[in-house]
Amino acid sequence: MYYKVQIDQTGKAIGDKKPSGEGYSHFNSEVISFPTLEQVREFLQARYNKVKKVKCYHGEGEHVGYIYCFKNRDDSHNSPPWFQQDWVTVLQVKEKILVVKGRK
């Protein structure tokens, strides 16, 4: 058993006039695995420390994770800053070895 953190990163220009939560474009996905839940907590604390977070839901109101909201900037490319929302879900993964026979 291990834990998988799935992060979907979205962003929009700071000057974008669309209402809050609208106009974001997906630009990156990350999947990071950890052997313990404590390591997941430490990773999230280090990465998002004091960033605003809101609950995200799936289907009929099932709480499935958090959206971390913040301003970001890439100084290496001297780009203008943008609003970023990282959609983060943590999954507990249990694996079972399967032996699948080929065709006869």
PDB file of N, CA and C in Angstrom:
ATOM      1  N   MET A   1       0.855  -1.180   0.000  1.00  0.00           N
ATOM      2  CA  MET A   1       0.000   0.000   0.000  1.00  0.00           C
ATOM      3  C   MET A   1       0.900   1.242   0.000  1.00  0.00           C
ATOM      4  N   TYR A   2       0.476   2.249  -0.738  1.00  0.00           N
ATOM      5  CA  TYR A   2       1.172   3.527  -0.760  1.00  0.00           C
ATOM      6  C   TYR A   2       0.157   4.628  -1.055  1.00  0.00           C
ATOM      7  N   TYR A   3       0.626   5.871  -1.071  1.00  0.00           N
ATOM      8  CA  TYR A   3      -0.251   7.018  -1.288  1.00  0.00           C
ATOM      9  C   TYR A   3       0.204   7.773  -2.535  1.00  0.00           C
ATOM     10  N   LYS A   4      -0.753   8.175  -3.331  1.00  0.00           N
ATOM     11  CA  LYS A   4      -0.479   8.886  -4.575  1.00  0.00           C
ATOM     12  C   LYS A   4      -1.105  10.275  -4.490  1.00  0.00           C
ATOM     13  N   VAL A   5      -0.294  11.294  -4.723  1.00  0.00           N
ATOM     14  CA  VAL A   5      -0.778  12.670  -4.749  1.00  0.00           C
ATOM     15  C   VAL A   5      -0.894  13.077  -6.217  1.00  0.00           C
ATOM     16  N   GLN A   6      -2.110  13.419  -6.631  1.00  0.00           N
ATOM     17  CA  GLN A   6      -2.353  13.860  -8.003  1.00  0.00           C
ATOM     18  C   GLN A   6      -2.587  15.361  -7.991  1.00  0.00           C
ATOM     19  N   ILE A   7      -1.786  16.089  -8.778  1.00  0.00           N
ATOM     20  CA  ILE A   7      -1.871  17.549  -8.822  1.00  0.00           C
ATOM     21  C   ILE A   7      -2.135  17.974 -10.261  1.00  0.00           C
ATOM     22  N   ASP A   8      -3.231  18.686 -10.472  1.00  0.00           N
ATOM     23  CA  ASP A   8      -3.548  19.265 -11.772  1.00  0.00           C
ATOM     24  C   ASP A   8      -3.427  20.775 -11.638  1.00  0.00           C
ATOM     25  N   GLN A   9      -2.472  21.355 -12.375  1.00  0.00           N
ATOM     26  CA  GLN A   9      -2.184  22.777 -12.265  1.00  0.00           C
ATOM     27  C   GLN A   9      -2.920  23.547 -13.352  1.00  0.00           C
ATOM     28  N   THR A  10      -3.589  24.621 -12.928  1.00  0.00           N
ATOM     29  CA  THR A  10      -4.304  25.489 -13.857  1.00  0.00           C
ATOM     30  C   THR A  10      -3.885  26.930 -13.595  1.00  0.00           C
ATOM     31  N   GLY A  11      -4.033  27.778 -14.614  1.00  0.00           N
ATOM     32  CA  GLY A  11      -3.669  29.175 -14.441  1.00  0.00           C
ATOM     33  C   GLY A  11      -4.446  30.076 -15.367  1.00  0.00           C
ATOM     34  N   LYS A  12      -4.473  31.361 -15.012  1.00  0.00           N
ATOM     35  CA  LYS A  12      -5.060  32.385 -15.887  1.00  0.00           C
ATOM     36  C   LYS A  12      -4.336  33.693 -15.640  1.00  0.00           C
ATOM     37  N   ALA A  13      -4.353  34.548 -16.648  1.00  0.00           N
ATOM     38  CA  ALA A  13      -3.679  35.839 -16.544  1.00  0.00           C
ATOM     39  C   ALA A  13      -4.304  36.679 -15.444  1.00  0.00           C
ATOM     40  N   ILE A  14      -3.500  37.452 -14.763  1.00  0.00           N
ATOM     41  CA  ILE A  14      -4.005  38.295 -13.676  1.00  0.00           C
ATOM     42  C   ILE A  14      -5.009  39.323 -14.204  1.00  0.00           C
ATOM     43  N   GLY A  15      -4.830  39.823 -15.408  1.00  0.00           N
ATOM     44  CA  GLY A  15      -5.765  40.808 -15.973  1.00  0.00           C
ATOM     45  C   GLY A  15      -7.050  40.209 -16.525  1.00  0.00           C
ATOM     46  N   ASP A  16      -7.216  38.892 -16.464  1.00  0.00           N
ATOM     47  CA  ASP A  16      -8.405  38.235 -16.997  1.00  0.00           C
ATOM     48  C   ASP A  16      -9.645  38.714 -16.241  1.00  0.00           C
ATOM     49  N   LYS A  17     -10.659  39.168 -16.964  1.00  0.00           N
ATOM     50  CA  LYS A  17     -11.854  39.758 -16.351  1.00  0.00           C
ATOM     51  C   LYS A  17     -12.937  38.730 -16.006  1.00  0.00           C
ATOM     52  N   LYS A  18     -12.696  37.448 -16.302  1.00  0.00           N
ATOM     53  CA  LYS A  18     -13.701  36.429 -15.975  1.00  0.00           C
ATOM     54  C   LYS A  18     -13.848  36.327 -14.459  1.00  0.00           C
ATOM     55  N   PRO A  19     -15.033  35.946 -13.982  1.00  0.00           N
ATOM     56  CA  PRO A  19     -15.255  35.825 -12.535  1.00  0.00           C
ATOM     57  C   PRO A  19     -14.287  34.839 -11.881  1.00  0.00           C
ATOM     58  N   SER A  20     -14.129  34.978 -10.591  1.00  0.00           N
ATOM     59  CA  SER A  20     -13.253  34.096  -9.826  1.00  0.00           C
ATOM     60  C   SER A  20     -13.599  32.633 -10.096  1.00  0.00           C
ATOM     61  N   GLY A  21     -12.587  31.816 -10.366  1.00  0.00           N
ATOM     62  CA  GLY A  21     -12.810  30.396 -10.629  1.00  0.00           C
ATOM     63  C   GLY A  21     -13.051  30.065 -12.089  1.00  0.00           C
ATOM     64  N   GLU A  22     -13.243  31.086 -12.941  1.00  0.00           N
ATOM     65  CA  GLU A  22     -13.486  30.842 -14.363  1.00  0.00           C
ATOM     66  C   GLU A  22     -12.288  31.309 -15.185  1.00  0.00           C
ATOM     67  N   GLY A  23     -12.140  30.727 -16.380  1.00  0.00           N
ATOM     68  CA  GLY A  23     -11.099  31.157 -17.301  1.00  0.00           C
ATOM     69  C   GLY A  23      -9.750  30.496 -17.105  1.00  0.00           C
ATOM     70  N   TYR A  24      -9.669  29.510 -16.234  1.00  0.00           N
ATOM     71  CA  TYR A  24      -8.404  28.826 -15.984  1.00  0.00           C
ATOM     72  C   TYR A  24      -8.137  27.780 -17.063  1.00  0.00           C
ATOM     73  N   SER A  25      -6.868  27.637 -17.446  1.00  0.00           N
ATOM     74  CA  SER A  25      -6.442  26.627 -18.401  1.00  0.00           C
ATOM     75  C   SER A  25      -5.502  25.643 -17.719  1.00  0.00           C
ATOM     76  N   HIS A  26      -5.693  24.367 -18.008  1.00  0.00           N
ATOM     77  CA  HIS A  26      -4.829  23.323 -17.457  1.00  0.00           C
ATOM     78  C   HIS A  26      -3.482  23.382 -18.165  1.00  0.00           C
ATOM     79  N   PHE A  27      -2.365  23.394 -17.397  1.00  0.00           N
ATOM     80  CA  PHE A  27      -1.059  23.437 -18.046  1.00  0.00           C
ATOM     81  C   PHE A  27      -0.097  22.361 -17.587  1.00  0.00           C
ATOM     82  N   ASN A  28      -0.414  21.617 -16.531  1.00  0.00           N
ATOM     83  CA  ASN A  28       0.507  20.575 -16.089  1.00  0.00           C
ATOM     84  C   ASN A  28      -0.187  19.613 -15.128  1.00  0.00           C
ATOM     85  N   SER A  29       0.253  18.365 -15.150  1.00  0.00           N
ATOM     86  CA  SER A  29      -0.200  17.357 -14.188  1.00  0.00           C
ATOM     87  C   SER A  29       1.017  16.696 -13.566  1.00  0.00           C
ATOM     88  N   GLU A  30       0.905  16.398 -12.293  1.00  0.00           N
ATOM     89  CA  GLU A  30       1.962  15.689 -11.582  1.00  0.00           C
ATOM     90  C   GLU A  30       1.341  14.567 -10.786  1.00  0.00           C
ATOM     91  N   VAL A  31       2.042  13.456 -10.689  1.00  0.00           N
ATOM     92  CA  VAL A  31       1.652  12.356  -9.811  1.00  0.00           C
ATOM     93  C   VAL A  31       2.895  11.988  -9.015  1.00  0.00           C
ATOM     94  N   ILE A  32       2.775  12.062  -7.690  1.00  0.00           N
ATOM     95  CA  ILE A  32       3.909  11.801  -6.809  1.00  0.00           C
ATOM     96  C   ILE A  32       3.476  10.746  -5.800  1.00  0.00           C
ATOM     97  N   SER A  33       4.310   9.730  -5.588  1.00  0.00           N
ATOM     98  CA  SER A  33       3.981   8.639  -4.666  1.00  0.00           C
ATOM     99  C   SER A  33       4.782   8.753  -3.378  1.00  0.00           C
ATOM    100  N   PHE A  34       4.140   8.355  -2.268  1.00  0.00           N
ATOM    101  CA  PHE A  34       4.771   8.362  -0.955  1.00  0.00           C
ATOM    102  C   PHE A  34       4.411   7.076  -0.219  1.00  0.00           C
ATOM    103  N   PRO A  35       5.338   6.535   0.555  1.00  0.00           N
ATOM    104  CA  PRO A  35       5.042   5.307   1.283  1.00  0.00           C
ATOM    105  C   PRO A  35       4.129   5.504   2.504  1.00  0.00           C
ATOM    106  N   THR A  36       4.113   6.726   3.079  1.00  0.00           N
ATOM    107  CA  THR A  36       3.294   6.951   4.270  1.00  0.00           C
ATOM    108  C   THR A  36       2.442   8.210   4.123  1.00  0.00           C
ATOM    109  N   LEU A  37       1.346   8.239   4.860  1.00  0.00           N
ATOM    110  CA  LEU A  37       0.468   9.408   4.866  1.00  0.00           C
ATOM    111  C   LEU A  37       1.164  10.603   5.518  1.00  0.00           C
ATOM    112  N   GLU A  38       2.011  10.347   6.486  1.00  0.00           N
ATOM    113  CA  GLU A  38       2.764  11.435   7.130  1.00  0.00           C
ATOM    114  C   GLU A  38       3.664  12.140   6.116  1.00  0.00           C
ATOM    115  N   GLN A  39       4.273  11.392   5.210  1.00  0.00           N
ATOM    116  CA  GLN A  39       5.111  12.004   4.174  1.00  0.00           C
ATOM    117  C   GLN A  39       4.272  12.838   3.206  1.00  0.00           C
ATOM    118  N   VAL A  40       3.044  12.419   2.945  1.00  0.00           N
ATOM    119  CA  VAL A  40       2.127  13.211   2.114  1.00  0.00           C
ATOM    120  C   VAL A  40       1.855  14.541   2.799  1.00  0.00           C
ATOM    121  N   ARG A  41       1.527  14.489   4.082  1.00  0.00           N
ATOM    122  CA  ARG A  41       1.255  15.721   4.840  1.00  0.00           C
ATOM    123  C   ARG A  41       2.463  16.659   4.833  1.00  0.00           C
ATOM    124  N   GLU A  42       3.644  16.115   5.036  1.00  0.00           N
ATOM    125  CA  GLU A  42       4.865  16.931   5.040  1.00  0.00           C
ATOM    126  C   GLU A  42       5.092  17.574   3.670  1.00  0.00           C
ATOM    127  N   PHE A  43       4.871  16.821   2.597  1.00  0.00           N
ATOM    128  CA  PHE A  43       5.030  17.347   1.245  1.00  0.00           C
ATOM    129  C   PHE A  43       4.065  18.501   0.993  1.00  0.00           C
ATOM    130  N   LEU A  44       2.779  18.293   1.326  1.00  0.00           N
ATOM    131  CA  LEU A  44       1.770  19.336   1.098  1.00  0.00           C
ATOM    132  C   LEU A  44       2.060  20.574   1.936  1.00  0.00           C
ATOM    133  N   GLN A  45       2.497  20.379   3.167  1.00  0.00           N
ATOM    134  CA  GLN A  45       2.834  21.506   4.034  1.00  0.00           C
ATOM    135  C   GLN A  45       4.003  22.295   3.453  1.00  0.00           C
ATOM    136  N   ALA A  46       5.032  21.596   2.982  1.00  0.00           N
ATOM    137  CA  ALA A  46       6.202  22.270   2.420  1.00  0.00           C
ATOM    138  C   ALA A  46       5.860  22.996   1.119  1.00  0.00           C
ATOM    139  N   ARG A  47       5.018  22.400   0.305  1.00  0.00           N
ATOM    140  CA  ARG A  47       4.727  22.974  -1.009  1.00  0.00           C
ATOM    141  C   ARG A  47       3.723  24.117  -0.941  1.00  0.00           C
ATOM    142  N   TYR A  48       2.689  23.962  -0.116  1.00  0.00           N
ATOM    143  CA  TYR A  48       1.595  24.944  -0.112  1.00  0.00           C
ATOM    144  C   TYR A  48       1.489  25.748   1.177  1.00  0.00           C
ATOM    145  N   ASN A  49       2.321  25.502   2.146  1.00  0.00           N
ATOM    146  CA  ASN A  49       2.391  26.184   3.432  1.00  0.00           C
ATOM    147  C   ASN A  49       1.173  27.033   3.787  1.00  0.00           C
ATOM    148  N   LYS A  50       1.175  28.323   3.489  1.00  0.00           N
ATOM    149  CA  LYS A  50       0.098  29.211   3.939  1.00  0.00           C
ATOM    150  C   LYS A  50      -0.784  29.688   2.783  1.00  0.00           C
ATOM    151  N   VAL A  51      -0.861  28.895   1.735  1.00  0.00           N
ATOM    152  CA  VAL A  51      -1.658  29.240   0.559  1.00  0.00           C
ATOM    153  C   VAL A  51      -3.136  29.005   0.867  1.00  0.00           C
ATOM    154  N   LYS A  52      -4.003  29.861   0.296  1.00  0.00           N
ATOM    155  CA  LYS A  52      -5.445  29.674   0.460  1.00  0.00           C
ATOM    156  C   LYS A  52      -5.856  28.341  -0.152  1.00  0.00           C
ATOM    157  N   LYS A  53      -6.702  27.583   0.556  1.00  0.00           N
ATOM    158  CA  LYS A  53      -7.212  26.343  -0.011  1.00  0.00           C
ATOM    159  C   LYS A  53      -8.719  26.264   0.193  1.00  0.00           C
ATOM    160  N   VAL A  54      -9.371  25.673  -0.802  1.00  0.00           N
ATOM    161  CA  VAL A  54     -10.817  25.448  -0.729  1.00  0.00           C
ATOM    162  C   VAL A  54     -11.079  23.990  -1.089  1.00  0.00           C
ATOM    163  N   LYS A  55     -12.148  23.444  -0.543  1.00  0.00           N
ATOM    164  CA  LYS A  55     -12.492  22.055  -0.822  1.00  0.00           C
ATOM    165  C   LYS A  55     -12.950  21.896  -2.265  1.00  0.00           C
ATOM    166  N   CYS A  56     -12.595  20.758  -2.882  1.00  0.00           N
ATOM    167  CA  CYS A  56     -13.153  20.453  -4.194  1.00  0.00           C
ATOM    168  C   CYS A  56     -14.001  19.191  -4.058  1.00  0.00           C
ATOM    169  N   TYR A  57     -15.043  19.135  -4.858  1.00  0.00           N
ATOM    170  CA  TYR A  57     -16.045  18.081  -4.762  1.00  0.00           C
ATOM    171  C   TYR A  57     -16.199  17.365  -6.091  1.00  0.00           C
ATOM    172  N   HIS A  58     -16.728  16.151  -6.014  1.00  0.00           N
ATOM    173  CA  HIS A  58     -16.976  15.360  -7.213  1.00  0.00           C
ATOM    174  C   HIS A  58     -18.398  14.799  -7.111  1.00  0.00           C
ATOM    175  N   GLY A  59     -19.056  14.742  -8.250  1.00  0.00           N
ATOM    176  CA  GLY A  59     -20.379  14.124  -8.290  1.00  0.00           C
ATOM    177  C   GLY A  59     -21.381  14.826  -7.398  1.00  0.00           C
ATOM    178  N   GLU A  60     -21.979  14.065  -6.512  1.00  0.00           N
ATOM    179  CA  GLU A  60     -23.045  14.591  -5.656  1.00  0.00           C
ATOM    180  C   GLU A  60     -22.508  15.109  -4.331  1.00  0.00           C
ATOM    181  N   GLY A  61     -21.493  15.949  -4.402  1.00  0.00           N
ATOM    182  CA  GLY A  61     -21.006  16.614  -3.197  1.00  0.00           C
ATOM    183  C   GLY A  61     -19.988  15.827  -2.398  1.00  0.00           C
ATOM    184  N   GLU A  62     -19.324  14.844  -3.005  1.00  0.00           N
ATOM    185  CA  GLU A  62     -18.308  14.086  -2.293  1.00  0.00           C
ATOM    186  C   GLU A  62     -17.015  14.895  -2.258  1.00  0.00           C
ATOM    187  N   HIS A  63     -16.530  15.213  -1.053  1.00  0.00           N
ATOM    188  CA  HIS A  63     -15.289  15.971  -0.882  1.00  0.00           C
ATOM    189  C   HIS A  63     -14.123  15.064  -1.285  1.00  0.00           C
ATOM    190  N   VAL A  64     -13.366  15.472  -2.316  1.00  0.00           N
ATOM    191  CA  VAL A  64     -12.295  14.617  -2.847  1.00  0.00           C
ATOM    192  C   VAL A  64     -10.904  15.236  -2.757  1.00  0.00           C
ATOM    193  N   GLY A  65     -10.796  16.459  -2.300  1.00  0.00           N
ATOM    194  CA  GLY A  65      -9.481  17.085  -2.208  1.00  0.00           C
ATOM    195  C   GLY A  65      -9.577  18.571  -1.986  1.00  0.00           C
ATOM    196  N   TYR A  66      -8.498  19.267  -2.344  1.00  0.00           N
ATOM    197  CA  TYR A  66      -8.436  20.712  -2.150  1.00  0.00           C
ATOM    198  C   TYR A  66      -7.915  21.399  -3.399  1.00  0.00           C
ATOM    199  N   ILE A  67      -8.320  22.644  -3.560  1.00  0.00           N
ATOM    200  CA  ILE A  67      -7.788  23.513  -4.597  1.00  0.00           C
ATOM    201  C   ILE A  67      -6.943  24.560  -3.876  1.00  0.00           C
ATOM    202  N   TYR A  68      -5.666  24.601  -4.199  1.00  0.00           N
ATOM    203  CA  TYR A  68      -4.752  25.577  -3.609  1.00  0.00           C
ATOM    204  C   TYR A  68      -4.654  26.756  -4.575  1.00  0.00           C
ATOM    205  N   CYS A  69      -4.933  27.965  -4.077  1.00  0.00           N
ATOM    206  CA  CYS A  69      -5.052  29.162  -4.922  1.00  0.00           C
ATOM    207  C   CYS A  69      -3.969  30.171  -4.548  1.00  0.00           C
ATOM    208  N   PHE A  70      -3.222  30.645  -5.553  1.00  0.00           N
ATOM    209  CA  PHE A  70      -2.136  31.581  -5.275  1.00  0.00           C
ATOM    210  C   PHE A  70      -1.690  32.273  -6.560  1.00  0.00           C
ATOM    211  N   LYS A  71      -0.902  33.341  -6.397  1.00  0.00           N
ATOM    212  CA  LYS A  71      -0.260  33.996  -7.534  1.00  0.00           C
ATOM    213  C   LYS A  71       1.079  33.308  -7.764  1.00  0.00           C
ATOM    214  N   ASN A  72       1.450  33.193  -9.038  1.00  0.00           N
ATOM    215  CA  ASN A  72       2.720  32.557  -9.360  1.00  0.00           C
ATOM    216  C   ASN A  72       3.461  33.395 -10.391  1.00  0.00           C
ATOM    217  N   ARG A  73       4.756  33.131 -10.522  1.00  0.00           N
ATOM    218  CA  ARG A  73       5.587  33.876 -11.466  1.00  0.00           C
ATOM    219  C   ARG A  73       6.796  33.022 -11.811  1.00  0.00           C
ATOM    220  N   ASP A  74       7.211  33.047 -13.066  1.00  0.00           N
ATOM    221  CA  ASP A  74       8.394  32.322 -13.513  1.00  0.00           C
ATOM    222  C   ASP A  74       9.497  33.342 -13.781  1.00  0.00           C
ATOM    223  N   ASP A  75      10.340  33.567 -12.789  1.00  0.00           N
ATOM    224  CA  ASP A  75      11.402  34.570 -12.913  1.00  0.00           C
ATOM    225  C   ASP A  75      12.452  34.177 -13.944  1.00  0.00           C
ATOM    226  N   SER A  76      12.620  32.887 -14.215  1.00  0.00           N
ATOM    227  CA  SER A  76      13.646  32.458 -15.173  1.00  0.00           C
ATOM    228  C   SER A  76      13.311  32.903 -16.599  1.00  0.00           C
ATOM    229  N   HIS A  77      12.026  33.152 -16.871  1.00  0.00           N
ATOM    230  CA  HIS A  77      11.614  33.594 -18.202  1.00  0.00           C
ATOM    231  C   HIS A  77      11.101  35.034 -18.198  1.00  0.00           C
ATOM    232  N   ASN A  78      11.197  35.698 -17.040  1.00  0.00           N
ATOM    233  CA  ASN A  78      10.725  37.078 -16.905  1.00  0.00           C
ATOM    234  C   ASN A  78       9.280  37.232 -17.398  1.00  0.00           C
ATOM    235  N   SER A  79       8.447  36.251 -17.068  1.00  0.00           N
ATOM    236  CA  SER A  79       7.049  36.285 -17.507  1.00  0.00           C
ATOM    237  C   SER A  79       6.214  37.082 -16.510  1.00  0.00           C
ATOM    238  N   PRO A  80       5.076  37.596 -16.960  1.00  0.00           N
ATOM    239  CA  PRO A  80       4.191  38.290 -16.019  1.00  0.00           C
ATOM    240  C   PRO A  80       3.572  37.279 -15.055  1.00  0.00           C
ATOM    241  N   PRO A  81       3.216  37.713 -13.852  1.00  0.00           N
ATOM    242  CA  PRO A  81       2.604  36.791 -12.889  1.00  0.00           C
ATOM    243  C   PRO A  81       1.214  36.347 -13.347  1.00  0.00           C
ATOM    244  N   TRP A  82       0.741  35.241 -12.788  1.00  0.00           N
ATOM    245  CA  TRP A  82      -0.583  34.713 -13.110  1.00  0.00           C
ATOM    246  C   TRP A  82      -1.233  34.148 -11.854  1.00  0.00           C
ATOM    247  N   PHE A  83      -2.553  33.996 -11.899  1.00  0.00           N
ATOM    248  CA  PHE A  83      -3.276  33.304 -10.838  1.00  0.00           C
ATOM    249  C   PHE A  83      -3.175  31.811 -11.119  1.00  0.00           C
ATOM    250  N   GLN A  84      -2.895  31.038 -10.089  1.00  0.00           N
ATOM    251  CA  GLN A  84      -2.774  29.588 -10.264  1.00  0.00           C
ATOM    252  C   GLN A  84      -3.679  28.879  -9.271  1.00  0.00           C
ATOM    253  N   GLN A  85      -4.279  27.790  -9.727  1.00  0.00           N
ATOM    254  CA  GLN A  85      -5.058  26.900  -8.875  1.00  0.00           C
ATOM    255  C   GLN A  85      -4.536  25.488  -9.096  1.00  0.00           C
ATOM    256  N   ASP A  86      -4.060  24.858  -8.028  1.00  0.00           N
ATOM    257  CA  ASP A  86      -3.625  23.468  -8.088  1.00  0.00           C
ATOM    258  C   ASP A  86      -4.705  22.602  -7.459  1.00  0.00           C
ATOM    259  N   TRP A  87      -5.267  21.693  -8.255  1.00  0.00           N
ATOM    260  CA  TRP A  87      -6.297  20.761  -7.791  1.00  0.00           C
ATOM    261  C   TRP A  87      -5.571  19.519  -7.293  1.00  0.00           C
ATOM    262  N   VAL A  88      -5.679  19.247  -5.987  1.00  0.00           N
ATOM    263  CA  VAL A  88      -4.890  18.181  -5.363  1.00  0.00           C
ATOM    264  C   VAL A  88      -5.806  17.123  -4.752  1.00  0.00           C
ATOM    265  N   THR A  89      -5.554  15.880  -5.160  1.00  0.00           N
ATOM    266  CA  THR A  89      -6.277  14.721  -4.624  1.00  0.00           C
ATOM    267  C   THR A  89      -5.248  13.722  -4.124  1.00  0.00           C
ATOM    268  N   VAL A  90      -5.520  13.117  -2.962  1.00  0.00           N
ATOM    269  CA  VAL A  90      -4.640  12.093  -2.406  1.00  0.00           C
ATOM    270  C   VAL A  90      -5.387  10.765  -2.455  1.00  0.00           C
ATOM    271  N   LEU A  91      -4.725   9.762  -3.021  1.00  0.00           N
ATOM    272  CA  LEU A  91      -5.331   8.443  -3.168  1.00  0.00           C
ATOM    273  C   LEU A  91      -4.514   7.398  -2.414  1.00  0.00           C
ATOM    274  N   GLN A  92      -5.206   6.495  -1.745  1.00  0.00           N
ATOM    275  CA  GLN A  92      -4.548   5.350  -1.121  1.00  0.00           C
ATOM    276  C   GLN A  92      -4.580   4.225  -2.147  1.00  0.00           C
ATOM    277  N   VAL A  93      -3.413   3.663  -2.452  1.00  0.00           N
ATOM    278  CA  VAL A  93      -3.314   2.653  -3.505  1.00  0.00           C
ATOM    279  C   VAL A  93      -2.937   1.309  -2.886  1.00  0.00           C
ATOM    280  N   LYS A  94      -3.760   0.320  -3.176  1.00  0.00           N
ATOM    281  CA  LYS A  94      -3.462  -1.054  -2.762  1.00  0.00           C
ATOM    282  C   LYS A  94      -3.276  -1.855  -4.040  1.00  0.00           C
ATOM    283  N   GLU A  95      -2.124  -2.479  -4.168  1.00  0.00           N
ATOM    284  CA  GLU A  95      -1.842  -3.226  -5.381  1.00  0.00           C
ATOM    285  C   GLU A  95      -1.889  -4.726  -5.106  1.00  0.00           C
ATOM    286  N   LYS A  96      -2.310  -5.444  -6.116  1.00  0.00           N
ATOM    287  CA  LYS A  96      -2.361  -6.895  -6.035  1.00  0.00           C
ATOM    288  C   LYS A  96      -1.742  -7.431  -7.319  1.00  0.00           C
ATOM    289  N   ILE A  97      -0.854  -8.384  -7.173  1.00  0.00           N
ATOM    290  CA  ILE A  97      -0.224  -8.977  -8.343  1.00  0.00           C
ATOM    291  C   ILE A  97      -1.225  -9.901  -9.043  1.00  0.00           C
ATOM    292  N   LEU A  98      -1.341  -9.728 -10.348  1.00  0.00           N
ATOM    293  CA  LEU A  98      -2.220 -10.557 -11.157  1.00  0.00           C
ATOM    294  C   LEU A  98      -1.375 -11.275 -12.203  1.00  0.00           C
ATOM    295  N   VAL A  99      -1.665 -12.530 -12.396  1.00  0.00           N
ATOM    296  CA  VAL A  99      -0.996 -13.284 -13.450  1.00  0.00           C
ATOM    297  C   VAL A  99      -2.036 -13.466 -14.559  1.00  0.00           C
ATOM    298  N   VAL A 100      -1.756 -12.896 -15.703  1.00  0.00           N
ATOM    299  CA  VAL A 100      -2.686 -12.955 -16.814  1.00  0.00           C
ATOM    300  C   VAL A 100      -2.087 -13.862 -17.891  1.00  0.00           C
ATOM    301  N   LYS A 101      -2.840 -14.901 -18.223  1.00  0.00           N
ATOM    302  CA  LYS A 101      -2.368 -15.828 -19.261  1.00  0.00           C
ATOM    303  C   LYS A 101      -2.701 -15.265 -20.629  1.00  0.00           C
ATOM    304  N   GLY A 102      -1.802 -15.494 -21.566  1.00  0.00           N
ATOM    305  CA  GLY A 102      -2.041 -15.078 -22.942  1.00  0.00           C
ATOM    306  C   GLY A 102      -3.009 -16.025 -23.625  1.00  0.00           C
ATOM    307  N   ARG A 103      -3.251 -15.821 -24.893  1.00  0.00           N
ATOM    308  CA  ARG A 103      -4.128 -16.685 -25.664  1.00  0.00           C
ATOM    309  C   ARG A 103      -3.502 -18.066 -25.839  1.00  0.00           C
ATOM    310  N   LYS A 104      -4.356 -19.047 -26.043  1.00  0.00           N
ATOM    311  CA  LYS A 104      -3.878 -20.410 -26.306  1.00  0.00           C
ATOM    312  C   LYS A 104      -3.488 -20.577 -27.739  1.00  0.00           C
TER     313      LYS A 104
END
